[in-house]
């Protein structure tokens, strides 16, 4: 019996980390950690999902379109909530910009989605105003599918967002 356990011991040591005269082995290149988005962003994603569920059961195309577009807007707002940083105060007031204008600056990988939903903003306004034929059934269904895909993409982007290790003693935004 002693012979078999002695023979197994070298194999176990070979499988583990090599011992070092300076102490335990450390990773030279730290592995990227993953984190979740801030609570405000997660809340907006929840609201967006509820909006898509509501839109899916609406029969009137205008209502379906407007509700799906609002869900997409909440999804974009979640990205803004997660990535935006306060800017220093300025003397002159900047004009108000839509989420669709700001989104590509903070998340360039979502620029095409931003352009898609920005192009539907006027239709959404007409649909919300109750203008007959502002959106037909096909347009509403297409937007609902696009908004659902956008939501899934943003959920993956924010919930599995890589966070690089912070330098010891340094501030995250210093540099």
Protein backbone atom coordinates (compact mmCIF):
# COMPACT_ATOMS: atom_id res chain seq x y z
CA UNK A 1 0.00 0.00 0.00
CA UNK A 2 2.77 2.47 0.93
CA UNK A 3 4.35 1.87 -2.45
CA UNK A 4 1.22 2.85 -4.42
CA UNK A 5 0.57 6.07 -2.47
CA UNK A 6 4.23 7.10 -2.79
CA UNK A 7 4.03 6.58 -6.53
CA UNK A 8 0.85 8.68 -6.72
CA UNK A 9 2.33 11.57 -4.72
CA UNK A 10 4.66 12.86 -7.45
CA UNK A 11 1.77 12.86 -9.92
CA UNK A 12 -0.35 14.99 -7.62
CA UNK A 13 2.46 17.51 -7.17
CA UNK A 14 3.05 17.70 -10.91
CA UNK A 15 -0.63 18.56 -11.48
CA UNK A 16 -0.65 21.44 -8.95
CA UNK A 17 1.19 24.76 -9.10
CA UNK A 18 4.95 24.58 -8.87
CA UNK A 19 6.34 25.55 -5.50
CA UNK A 20 8.52 28.64 -5.44
CA UNK A 21 11.27 29.71 -3.05
CA UNK A 22 9.62 33.19 -2.88
CA UNK A 23 6.18 31.91 -1.84
CA UNK A 24 3.00 30.76 -3.56
CA UNK A 25 2.64 31.14 -7.31
CA UNK A 26 0.80 34.29 -8.50
CA UNK A 27 -0.75 35.07 -11.83
CA UNK A 28 1.45 37.36 -13.85
CA UNK A 29 -1.54 38.45 -15.94
CA UNK A 30 -4.68 38.77 -13.80
CA UNK A 31 -7.86 37.35 -15.21
CA UNK A 32 -10.54 39.86 -16.13
CA UNK A 33 -13.31 39.87 -13.54
CA UNK A 34 -16.94 40.23 -14.46
CA UNK A 35 -19.51 42.35 -12.70
CA UNK A 36 -23.13 43.37 -12.98
CA UNK A 37 -24.44 46.75 -14.02
CA UNK A 38 -25.49 49.33 -11.44
CA UNK A 39 -28.95 48.89 -9.88
CA UNK A 40 -30.44 51.78 -11.90
CA UNK A 41 -29.38 50.12 -15.15
CA UNK A 42 -30.72 46.73 -14.04
CA UNK A 43 -34.04 48.37 -13.12
CA UNK A 44 -34.27 49.95 -16.58
CA UNK A 45 -33.58 46.56 -18.18
CA UNK A 46 -36.40 45.05 -16.10
CA UNK A 47 -38.74 47.84 -17.22
CA UNK A 48 -37.70 47.30 -20.84
CA UNK A 49 -38.42 43.56 -20.62
CA UNK A 50 -41.87 44.28 -19.10
CA UNK A 51 -42.52 46.76 -21.91
CA UNK A 52 -41.67 44.16 -24.54
CA UNK A 53 -43.98 41.65 -22.87
CA UNK A 54 -46.75 44.25 -22.88
CA UNK A 55 -46.11 45.16 -26.53
CA UNK A 56 -46.26 41.50 -27.54
CA UNK A 57 -49.92 41.23 -26.48
CA UNK A 58 -51.15 44.57 -27.86
CA UNK A 59 -53.36 44.21 -30.93
CA UNK A 60 -53.34 47.82 -32.17
CA UNK A 61 -50.20 48.38 -34.30
CA UNK A 62 -49.72 51.99 -33.13
CA UNK A 63 -49.78 50.90 -29.48
CA UNK A 64 -47.55 47.92 -30.17
CA UNK A 65 -45.01 50.07 -32.03
CA UNK A 66 -44.93 52.85 -29.42
CA UNK A 67 -44.59 50.38 -26.53
CA UNK A 68 -41.80 48.44 -28.23
CA UNK A 69 -39.95 51.67 -29.06
CA UNK A 70 -40.24 52.81 -25.44
CA UNK A 71 -38.77 49.46 -24.34
CA UNK A 72 -35.82 50.05 -26.70
CA UNK A 73 -35.40 53.55 -25.26
CA UNK A 74 -35.32 52.15 -21.72
CA UNK A 75 -32.71 49.64 -22.87
CA UNK A 76 -30.57 52.48 -24.22
CA UNK A 77 -31.09 54.37 -20.96
CA UNK A 78 -29.71 51.36 -19.09
CA UNK A 79 -26.48 51.62 -21.10
CA UNK A 80 -26.31 55.34 -20.37
CA UNK A 81 -26.90 54.69 -16.66
CA UNK A 82 -24.08 52.15 -16.63
CA UNK A 83 -21.51 54.02 -18.70
CA UNK A 84 -22.17 57.76 -18.41
CA UNK A 85 -19.99 59.85 -16.13
CA UNK A 86 -20.85 63.32 -14.84
CA UNK A 87 -19.27 66.10 -16.84
CA UNK A 88 -17.80 69.20 -15.25
CA UNK A 89 -20.17 72.17 -15.06
CA UNK A 90 -20.09 74.38 -18.12
CA UNK A 91 -20.89 78.04 -18.35
CA UNK A 92 -23.04 77.74 -21.42
CA UNK A 93 -25.90 75.31 -21.41
CA UNK A 94 -25.66 72.59 -24.05
CA UNK A 95 -28.74 71.71 -26.10
CA UNK A 96 -30.64 68.66 -24.94
CA UNK A 97 -29.72 65.56 -26.91
CA UNK A 98 -31.65 62.32 -27.24
CA UNK A 99 -30.44 59.02 -25.85
CA UNK A 100 -29.99 57.87 -29.45
CA UNK A 101 -27.47 60.69 -30.02
CA UNK A 102 -25.50 59.97 -26.85
CA UNK A 103 -25.51 56.16 -27.03
CA UNK A 104 -22.92 55.84 -29.85
CA UNK A 105 -20.50 58.02 -27.88
CA UNK A 106 -20.66 55.79 -24.80
CA UNK A 107 -21.15 52.47 -26.58
CA UNK A 108 -19.80 52.68 -30.15
CA UNK A 109 -20.62 49.01 -30.61
CA UNK A 110 -24.32 49.96 -30.44
CA UNK A 111 -24.16 52.79 -33.02
CA UNK A 112 -26.15 50.90 -35.67
CA UNK A 113 -28.86 50.03 -33.15
CA UNK A 114 -28.99 53.66 -32.10
CA UNK A 115 -29.45 54.78 -35.70
CA UNK A 116 -32.20 52.20 -36.22
CA UNK A 117 -34.23 53.31 -33.22
CA UNK A 118 -33.56 57.01 -33.82
CA UNK A 119 -35.06 56.61 -37.28
CA UNK A 120 -38.27 55.30 -35.68
CA UNK A 121 -38.65 58.10 -33.11
CA UNK A 122 -40.91 60.26 -35.29
CA UNK A 123 -43.11 57.25 -36.10
CA UNK A 124 -43.34 56.48 -32.39
CA UNK A 125 -44.45 60.08 -31.71
CA UNK A 126 -47.16 59.78 -34.37
CA UNK A 127 -48.22 56.38 -33.02
CA UNK A 128 -48.42 57.73 -29.45
CA UNK A 129 -50.49 60.67 -30.72
CA UNK A 130 -52.97 58.16 -32.14
CA UNK A 131 -52.53 59.18 -35.76
CA UNK A 132 -54.21 56.43 -37.78
CA UNK A 133 -51.76 54.31 -39.77
CA UNK A 134 -48.66 55.76 -38.09
CA UNK A 135 -47.42 52.17 -37.83
CA UNK A 136 -48.80 49.11 -39.57
CA UNK A 137 -48.77 45.59 -38.17
CA UNK A 138 -45.56 44.60 -39.96
CA UNK A 139 -43.67 47.69 -38.76
CA UNK A 140 -44.83 47.07 -35.20
CA UNK A 141 -43.84 43.39 -35.34
CA UNK A 142 -40.43 44.21 -36.85
CA UNK A 143 -39.75 46.83 -34.21
CA UNK A 144 -40.80 44.46 -31.44
CA UNK A 145 -38.33 41.82 -32.70
CA UNK A 146 -35.55 44.41 -33.06
CA UNK A 147 -36.18 45.82 -29.57
CA UNK A 148 -36.12 42.30 -28.08
CA UNK A 149 -32.81 41.54 -29.81
CA UNK A 150 -31.39 44.89 -28.67
CA UNK A 151 -32.43 44.15 -25.09
CA UNK A 152 -30.76 40.72 -25.13
CA UNK A 153 -27.58 42.23 -26.55
CA UNK A 154 -27.47 45.01 -23.94
CA UNK A 155 -28.19 42.58 -21.10
CA UNK A 156 -25.16 40.54 -22.13
CA UNK A 157 -23.10 43.69 -22.60
CA UNK A 158 -23.92 45.15 -19.18
CA UNK A 159 -24.31 42.11 -16.99
CA UNK A 160 -21.13 40.47 -18.28
CA UNK A 161 -19.19 43.69 -18.66
CA UNK A 162 -15.45 43.11 -18.11
CA UNK A 163 -13.86 45.08 -15.32
CA UNK A 164 -10.09 45.39 -15.37
CA UNK A 165 -8.30 45.06 -12.04
CA UNK A 166 -7.67 48.43 -10.40
CA UNK A 167 -4.10 49.44 -9.58
CA UNK A 168 -3.33 49.26 -5.87
CA UNK A 169 -3.85 52.56 -4.12
CA UNK A 170 -5.02 54.27 -7.31
CA UNK A 171 -8.35 55.77 -8.18
CA UNK A 172 -10.32 54.02 -10.96
CA UNK A 173 -10.55 57.19 -13.05
CA UNK A 174 -7.04 58.46 -12.37
CA UNK A 175 -4.67 58.34 -15.25
